[in-house]
Amino acid sequence: MNNLALFDLDHTLLPTDSDKEWGRFLVRIGAVDKVAYAQANEAFYADYRAGTLDMPAFLRFALAPLSQYSRAQLDAWHDQFMQEVILPAILPSALALLDKHRSAGDLCAIVTATNSFVTRPIARQLGVEHLIATEPATVDGNPNARFSGDYLGTPSFREGKIVRTEQWLSQLGKRWSDFERSYFYSDSANDIPLMEKVTDPIATNPDDTLRTAAQQRGWPIIELFQ
């Protein structure tokens, strides 16, 4: 029986937050208002770290720029974002962790609240086939059309990560009980619901709240980054 290995992305496999950094990148290249957008981006990130994020409000903010530009322009910017921001942040320790689970034959997936436009190329670069992320909606539902600024279904955030993971498993014809062990690596207290669902939660570069919870519950704590 194979195992299931789930990984948060931001501050877990990456020593940064790809959602926040994408917002900063848009500010830097002049694609959004350099004052108002920058201030809101930092404020939403602070709310996320504090565990008080209004996810629908954040998604309206984060997905709005995607609706204002063509897919070709966004893809070109994302290529630049990968080169300038993401590739330098991919470290050997994260790659080794992924390789350990792949070598063991585990079914691996990244489970992230960050939208799939930002994260799919990152997952591909990390060599992870399966991505569970918040899905941006497109005009008329055409997956290749312009983004609408809305999102589809349940955001992959807090309890929503359980919902989305179970939907993904169902699409594969699988259930939790099909796996002898299920791992979830995360840095954030926002992910405690999914950590409680798996057999092997691992607090990874944890924030203070998650570190305390992990110590109280006897969960392993690992540090991939200094």
Foldseek 3Di string as FASTA:
>chain_A
DAEAEEEAPACFQFVHGLLLVVQVLCLVVVLDDVPPSNVVSVVQVVCVQVVNHPLQVVLLSSLVSQQVDFPVVLVVSLVVCCVPPPVVRRDPLSLVVVVVRVVRVHQYEYQYLAECSRCVVVCVVSVHDHYHYWYFAAVPRDPNHGTDSHTDDQRSWQVSVVVSVQVVQVVVVHDLVVHPFYEYEEAGPRHVVVLVVTPAYEHEVHDPVVVVVCVVVVHHYYYSDD
